C-alpha cells in the first residue's frame, strides 16, 4: 500500500517541490483493500476527522511560521496526510479510480490549513486549488532563513556562564538556546 512517507522539508527541494511518486497510484491498485477503508492509506479518513478538527496550538499569524509549520507537519504526519502538502502525491486525472478519494482528502487538508491561519491570510489562499498550492504559498511567503536566529544564539552562547548555577541549571539554560 502506498503511504505518505516523506517529511516536508526534507530532500533537495527545500520542502516545497514535488517528490517522486511514480509508483503511488500503481501501488493503490494492487491492494485487496479499498484505499478509503485501509487506515494506512493517505485516502483514509476516520469518523472523527472533520474540517473543524483541532490540530495545532496556534494559528499562523505570519511571524510564527516556523513553529506553526513544525506543529502542522507533526499533525499531518499523525493523520497520514502530509503527502497532500509536500507534493509526494499528485492530483490524479478525473477519470482515475482514486480521484474522488483524492479530492475528498485534499479538501479536508485544505480546510485544516484554512482553520489554522489568520483570517487575513485565509483570504489570500482560499481559492487555491490544492493543499499543496496552499502550503507552497504559505511557505514562500512566511518561511524565514535562520541567519538572524543563528547570530542571536552565538551571541547568547558567547555570554553564557555557569556562575552560581548548578550543573543541571546551567545545562538547562544551555539547552534552551
Protein backbone atom coordinates (compact mmCIF):
# COMPACT_ATOMS: atom_id res chain seq x y z
CA UNK A 1 0.00 0.00 0.00
CA UNK A 2 1.33 3.42 -0.87
CA UNK A 3 1.93 5.71 2.05
CA UNK A 4 2.73 9.30 2.77
CA UNK A 5 6.24 8.74 3.94
CA UNK A 6 8.29 11.79 3.06
CA UNK A 7 8.72 14.53 5.64
CA UNK A 8 8.07 18.08 4.45
CA UNK A 9 11.33 19.99 4.34
CA UNK A 10 13.49 17.00 3.53
CA UNK A 11 15.33 16.16 0.36
CA UNK A 12 16.77 18.67 -2.07
CA UNK A 13 13.57 20.56 -2.72
CA UNK A 14 13.61 22.96 0.23
CA UNK A 15 10.35 21.45 1.46
CA UNK A 16 8.31 22.79 -1.44
CA UNK A 17 8.98 20.72 -4.54
CA UNK A 18 7.10 17.65 -5.57
CA UNK A 19 8.51 14.27 -4.65
CA UNK A 20 8.76 11.28 -6.94
CA UNK A 21 5.50 9.35 -6.69
CA UNK A 22 5.64 7.35 -9.90
CA UNK A 23 4.51 4.15 -8.16
CA UNK A 24 1.98 5.75 -5.81
CA UNK A 25 -1.17 5.08 -7.84
CA UNK A 26 0.10 1.74 -9.14
CA UNK A 27 0.53 0.51 -5.58
CA UNK A 28 -3.01 1.57 -4.70
CA UNK A 29 -4.43 -0.54 -7.50
CA UNK A 30 -2.68 -3.74 -6.41
CA UNK A 31 -4.17 -3.95 -2.92
CA UNK A 32 -7.15 -6.05 -1.87
CA UNK A 33 -8.47 -3.34 0.47
CA UNK A 34 -10.12 -0.16 -0.75
CA UNK A 35 -7.85 2.84 -0.02
CA UNK A 36 -10.66 4.64 1.81
CA UNK A 37 -11.04 1.67 4.21
CA UNK A 38 -7.32 0.99 4.78
CA UNK A 39 -6.13 3.02 7.78
CA UNK A 40 -2.57 3.07 6.39
CA UNK A 41 -3.74 4.78 3.18
CA UNK A 42 -3.49 8.56 2.79
CA UNK A 43 -7.04 8.36 1.42
CA UNK A 44 -8.44 7.04 4.68
CA UNK A 45 -10.49 9.46 6.79
CA UNK A 46 -11.66 8.29 10.18
CA UNK A 47 -15.06 9.27 11.57
CA UNK A 48 -13.52 11.89 13.87
CA UNK A 49 -11.68 13.73 11.08
CA UNK A 50 -13.66 16.80 10.13
CA UNK A 51 -12.94 20.31 8.83
CA UNK A 52 -13.02 21.81 12.35
CA UNK A 53 -10.64 19.27 13.87
CA UNK A 54 -8.21 20.80 16.38
CA UNK A 55 -4.71 20.04 15.06
CA UNK A 56 -2.30 22.66 16.41
CA UNK A 57 -1.99 25.02 19.35
CA UNK A 58 -1.84 28.33 17.48
CA UNK A 59 -3.00 30.00 14.28
CA UNK A 60 -0.47 31.10 11.69
CA UNK A 61 -0.10 34.86 12.04
CA UNK A 62 2.97 35.20 9.83
CA UNK A 63 5.87 35.70 12.22
CA UNK A 64 5.26 32.32 13.87
CA UNK A 65 5.54 30.33 10.63
CA UNK A 66 8.44 28.10 11.65
CA UNK A 67 6.77 26.83 14.84
CA UNK A 68 3.34 26.63 13.14
CA UNK A 69 4.89 24.71 10.23
CA UNK A 70 6.52 22.23 12.63
CA UNK A 71 3.26 21.71 14.55
CA UNK A 72 1.22 21.25 11.36
CA UNK A 73 3.79 18.82 9.97
CA UNK A 74 3.54 16.69 13.10
CA UNK A 75 -0.26 16.74 12.97
CA UNK A 76 -0.37 15.89 9.25
CA UNK A 77 2.13 13.06 9.74
CA UNK A 78 -0.02 11.67 12.54
CA UNK A 79 -3.07 11.86 10.25
CA UNK A 80 -1.10 10.35 7.33
CA UNK A 81 -1.91 13.40 5.22
CA UNK A 82 1.49 15.09 4.85
CA UNK A 83 1.69 13.84 1.25
CA UNK A 84 -1.09 16.24 0.29
CA UNK A 85 1.05 19.26 1.21
CA UNK A 86 4.58 18.06 0.49
CA UNK A 87 3.90 17.12 -3.13
CA UNK A 88 4.53 13.39 -2.77
CA UNK A 89 1.05 12.65 -4.06
CA UNK A 90 -0.15 14.19 -7.32
CA UNK A 91 -3.69 15.02 -8.26
CA UNK A 92 -4.94 12.02 -10.26
CA UNK A 93 -6.82 12.52 -13.50
CA UNK A 94 -10.58 12.94 -13.14
CA UNK A 95 -11.23 9.50 -14.63
CA UNK A 96 -8.77 7.74 -12.29
CA UNK A 97 -10.40 5.39 -9.73
CA UNK A 98 -8.93 7.29 -6.75
CA UNK A 99 -9.80 10.79 -7.96
CA UNK A 100 -12.85 11.07 -5.70
CA UNK A 101 -10.83 9.92 -2.68
CA UNK A 102 -8.01 12.34 -3.52
CA UNK A 103 -10.50 15.20 -3.97
CA UNK A 104 -12.18 14.48 -0.64
CA UNK A 105 -8.93 14.18 1.35
CA UNK A 106 -7.31 17.16 -0.38
CA UNK A 107 -10.33 19.30 0.57
CA UNK A 108 -10.16 18.05 4.15
CA UNK A 109 -6.48 19.04 4.39
CA UNK A 110 -7.25 22.41 2.78
CA UNK A 111 -9.96 23.00 5.39
CA UNK A 112 -7.49 22.16 8.18
CA UNK A 113 -4.99 24.66 6.78
CA UNK A 114 -7.66 27.35 6.46
CA UNK A 115 -8.84 26.67 10.00
CA UNK A 116 -5.40 27.36 11.46
CA UNK A 117 -4.34 30.56 9.73
CA UNK A 118 -5.25 34.17 10.49
CA UNK A 119 -8.38 35.40 8.73
CA UNK A 120 -6.42 37.91 6.63
CA UNK A 121 -4.17 35.10 5.39
CA UNK A 122 -7.16 32.83 4.70
CA UNK A 123 -8.48 35.38 2.23
CA UNK A 124 -5.29 35.14 0.18
CA UNK A 125 -5.23 31.33 -0.10
CA UNK A 126 -8.92 30.43 -0.04
CA UNK A 127 -9.26 29.96 -3.79
CA UNK A 128 -6.13 27.94 -4.44
CA UNK A 129 -6.89 24.52 -5.94
CA UNK A 130 -4.94 22.17 -3.71
CA UNK A 131 -3.45 21.74 -0.26
CA UNK A 132 -0.03 21.61 -1.95
CA UNK A 133 -0.64 25.02 -3.57
CA UNK A 134 -1.78 26.50 -0.24
CA UNK A 135 1.20 25.06 1.61
CA UNK A 136 3.66 26.26 -1.05
CA UNK A 137 2.18 29.76 -0.98
CA UNK A 138 2.44 29.96 2.81
CA UNK A 139 5.98 28.58 2.76
CA UNK A 140 7.12 31.03 0.08
CA UNK A 141 5.61 33.98 1.95
CA UNK A 142 6.46 33.27 5.55
CA UNK A 143 9.43 30.93 5.75
CA UNK A 144 12.40 32.78 7.14
CA UNK A 145 16.00 31.79 7.00
CA UNK A 146 17.74 31.04 10.26
CA UNK A 147 20.63 33.51 9.94
CA UNK A 148 19.29 36.06 12.46
CA UNK A 149 18.50 33.29 14.96
CA UNK A 150 21.95 31.70 14.47
CA UNK A 151 23.57 35.07 15.18
CA UNK A 152 21.44 35.54 18.30
CA UNK A 153 22.26 32.04 19.62
CA UNK A 154 26.00 32.51 19.02
CA UNK A 155 25.86 35.80 20.89
CA UNK A 156 23.95 34.25 23.82
CA UNK A 157 26.31 31.25 23.92
CA UNK A 158 29.32 33.56 24.00
CA UNK A 159 27.92 35.33 27.05
CA UNK A 160 26.63 32.23 28.87
CA UNK A 161 28.45 31.44 32.12
CA UNK A 162 27.70 28.92 34.80
CA UNK A 163 28.20 31.42 37.61
CA UNK A 164 26.46 30.25 40.78
CA UNK A 165 24.15 27.84 38.90
CA UNK A 166 24.45 24.14 39.49
CA UNK A 167 25.36 21.93 36.52
CA UNK A 168 21.76 20.93 35.75
CA UNK A 169 20.57 24.56 35.83
CA UNK A 170 23.43 25.63 33.56
CA UNK A 171 22.76 22.73 31.20
CA UNK A 172 19.06 23.61 31.10
CA UNK A 173 19.84 27.24 30.15
CA UNK A 174 22.26 25.96 27.51
CA UNK A 175 19.68 23.52 26.16
CA UNK A 176 17.03 26.24 25.85
CA UNK A 177 19.30 28.14 23.47
